[in-house]
Amino acid sequence: MELKIANQFITVHHRHHKPVQGHRFSIGAVKDDILVGVCIVGRPVARAINHRTTVEVLRLCTDGTKNACSFLYAKAATIAKHLGYENIQTYTLAAETGVSLKAASWHILRTTKGGDWNCPSRRGRRIDQPQTKKICWGREL
């Protein structure tokens, strides 16, 4: 799916994130000819992660349709594997259960301390997203 369409869905439905600037690919979930969810996959945000072997789910959002999240996580992993990537990962807020990720055979890789991305080497970064602890989930492909 086009990034523009996925970002429009994010703008309307996502609880705490804005649209993304770029992506490797985006997919959608459709039920009864209605778009019920989107998944945007791109380069890992953290510079230390190898972007040649790993992709990251940057945004995943649904309208609440049952099983749409786990469907999108599973399909994103399948597509990434077919494109030659070795790993896929994403982050959730520590308060989120991750049940959709577990259903799609993802597992916890690590926990981050949260906070913003501003530091002496990276000034002027956005701070409008949640800065709480996050869980990094992943899956070998």
Protein backbone atom coordinates (compact mmCIF):
# COMPACT_ATOMS: atom_id res chain seq x y z
CA MET A 1 0.00 0.00 0.00
CA GLU A 2 1.12 3.56 -0.57
CA LEU A 3 2.71 5.30 2.41
CA LYS A 4 0.35 8.25 1.92
CA ILE A 5 -2.72 6.05 2.49
CA ALA A 6 -1.15 4.32 5.50
CA ASN A 7 -0.22 7.68 7.02
CA GLN A 8 -3.77 8.98 6.52
CA PHE A 9 -5.05 5.97 8.48
CA ILE A 10 -2.44 6.65 11.22
CA THR A 11 -3.55 10.29 11.44
CA VAL A 12 -7.15 9.28 12.05
CA HIS A 13 -6.72 6.21 14.27
CA HIS A 14 -3.36 6.08 16.11
CA ARG A 15 -3.51 6.81 19.84
CA HIS A 16 -0.14 8.47 20.34
CA HIS A 17 1.98 8.68 17.17
CA LYS A 18 2.02 10.85 14.09
CA PRO A 19 2.65 9.67 10.51
CA VAL A 20 6.16 8.61 9.44
CA GLN A 21 8.47 10.22 6.87
CA GLY A 22 9.57 7.13 4.97
CA HIS A 23 9.30 3.37 4.80
CA ARG A 24 10.56 0.17 3.20
CA PHE A 25 6.99 -1.07 2.67
CA SER A 26 3.47 -0.67 4.04
CA ILE A 27 0.60 -3.15 4.15
CA GLY A 28 -3.06 -2.98 5.02
CA ALA A 29 -5.71 -5.29 6.43
CA VAL A 30 -9.07 -5.22 4.69
CA LYS A 31 -12.36 -6.68 5.91
CA ASP A 32 -15.55 -6.47 3.86
CA ASP A 33 -13.77 -4.11 1.44
CA ILE A 34 -12.97 -1.66 4.26
CA LEU A 35 -9.41 -0.83 5.39
CA VAL A 36 -9.29 -1.86 9.06
CA GLY A 37 -5.57 -1.61 9.78
CA VAL A 38 -2.14 -0.60 8.48
CA CYS A 39 1.45 -1.56 9.16
CA ILE A 40 4.37 0.65 8.13
CA VAL A 41 7.79 -1.04 8.07
CA GLY A 42 11.05 0.86 7.68
CA ARG A 43 14.64 1.20 8.78
CA PRO A 44 15.33 0.72 12.49
CA VAL A 45 15.16 4.03 14.33
CA ALA A 46 18.14 3.22 16.57
CA ARG A 47 21.39 3.86 14.71
CA ALA A 48 23.11 0.86 16.29
CA ILE A 49 20.74 -1.64 14.61
CA ASN A 50 21.94 -2.93 11.23
CA HIS A 51 19.46 -1.56 8.68
CA ARG A 52 20.70 -3.96 6.01
CA THR A 53 19.58 -7.06 7.92
CA THR A 54 16.82 -5.70 10.16
CA VAL A 55 13.58 -3.82 9.54
CA GLU A 56 11.32 -2.24 12.11
CA VAL A 57 7.56 -1.90 12.32
CA LEU A 58 7.40 1.87 12.70
CA ARG A 59 3.62 2.09 13.01
CA LEU A 60 0.87 -0.46 13.36
CA CYS A 61 -2.67 0.75 13.78
CA THR A 62 -6.15 -0.74 13.45
CA ASP A 63 -9.70 0.39 13.98
CA GLY A 64 -10.12 -2.29 16.65
CA THR A 65 -11.07 -5.15 14.32
CA LYS A 66 -10.42 -8.47 16.07
CA ASN A 67 -7.09 -10.16 15.14
CA ALA A 68 -6.08 -7.39 12.71
CA CYS A 69 -2.94 -6.51 14.71
CA SER A 70 -1.57 -10.04 14.87
CA PHE A 71 -2.46 -10.55 11.19
CA LEU A 72 -0.46 -7.44 10.22
CA TYR A 73 2.54 -8.36 12.42
CA ALA A 74 2.67 -11.86 10.91
CA LYS A 75 2.33 -10.60 7.32
CA ALA A 76 4.98 -7.91 7.85
CA ALA A 77 7.43 -10.60 9.02
CA THR A 78 6.63 -12.81 6.03
CA ILE A 79 7.13 -9.97 3.55
CA ALA A 80 10.38 -8.87 5.22
CA LYS A 81 11.70 -12.43 4.98
CA HIS A 82 10.84 -12.58 1.26
CA LEU A 83 12.67 -9.28 0.77
CA GLY A 84 15.82 -10.81 2.27
CA TYR A 85 15.84 -9.35 5.76
CA GLU A 86 17.02 -11.52 8.66
CA ASN A 87 15.19 -9.84 11.55
CA ILE A 88 12.15 -7.70 12.25
CA GLN A 89 11.47 -5.68 15.39
CA THR A 90 9.13 -3.12 16.91
CA TYR A 91 8.57 -1.26 20.16
CA THR A 92 5.51 -1.09 22.39
CA LEU A 93 4.88 0.98 25.47
CA ALA A 94 5.69 -0.92 28.67
CA ALA A 95 2.02 -0.62 29.67
CA GLU A 96 0.86 -2.51 26.55
CA THR A 97 0.46 -6.29 26.80
CA GLY A 98 1.96 -7.34 23.47
CA VAL A 99 -0.69 -10.04 23.04
CA SER A 100 -0.85 -9.46 19.26
CA LEU A 101 2.92 -9.80 18.98
CA LYS A 102 2.87 -13.02 20.99
CA ALA A 103 0.14 -14.36 18.71
CA ALA A 104 2.36 -13.61 15.70
CA SER A 105 5.33 -15.52 17.26
CA TRP A 106 7.36 -12.46 18.24
CA HIS A 107 9.28 -12.36 21.54
CA ILE A 108 10.74 -9.73 23.86
CA LEU A 109 14.30 -8.72 22.95
CA ARG A 110 14.94 -6.00 25.52
CA THR A 111 13.45 -3.13 27.50
CA THR A 112 14.47 0.48 26.93
CA LYS A 113 14.60 3.16 29.56
CA GLY A 114 12.55 5.60 27.49
CA GLY A 115 13.20 9.32 27.40
CA ASP A 116 13.71 11.59 24.45
CA TRP A 117 16.29 11.33 21.66
CA ASN A 118 17.88 14.72 22.26
CA CYS A 119 21.51 14.59 23.31
CA PRO A 120 24.65 16.57 22.34
CA SER A 121 24.98 14.68 19.04
CA ARG A 122 21.25 14.78 18.19
CA ARG A 123 19.63 18.12 18.97
CA GLY A 124 16.17 19.24 17.90
CA ARG A 125 14.51 15.81 17.84
CA ARG A 126 10.75 15.48 18.25
CA ILE A 127 9.50 15.09 21.80
CA ASP A 128 5.78 14.77 21.04
CA GLN A 129 5.75 10.97 21.38
CA PRO A 130 5.58 8.95 24.62
CA GLN A 131 8.85 8.99 26.53
CA THR A 132 8.08 6.14 28.92
CA LYS A 133 9.81 2.76 29.06
CA LYS A 134 9.35 0.64 25.95
CA ILE A 135 9.57 -3.06 25.17
CA CYS A 136 11.46 -4.11 22.05
CA TRP A 137 9.89 -7.15 20.38
CA GLY A 138 11.48 -9.10 17.58
CA ARG A 139 11.52 -12.15 15.43
CA GLU A 140 14.18 -13.93 13.40
CA LEU A 141 13.08 -14.44 9.83
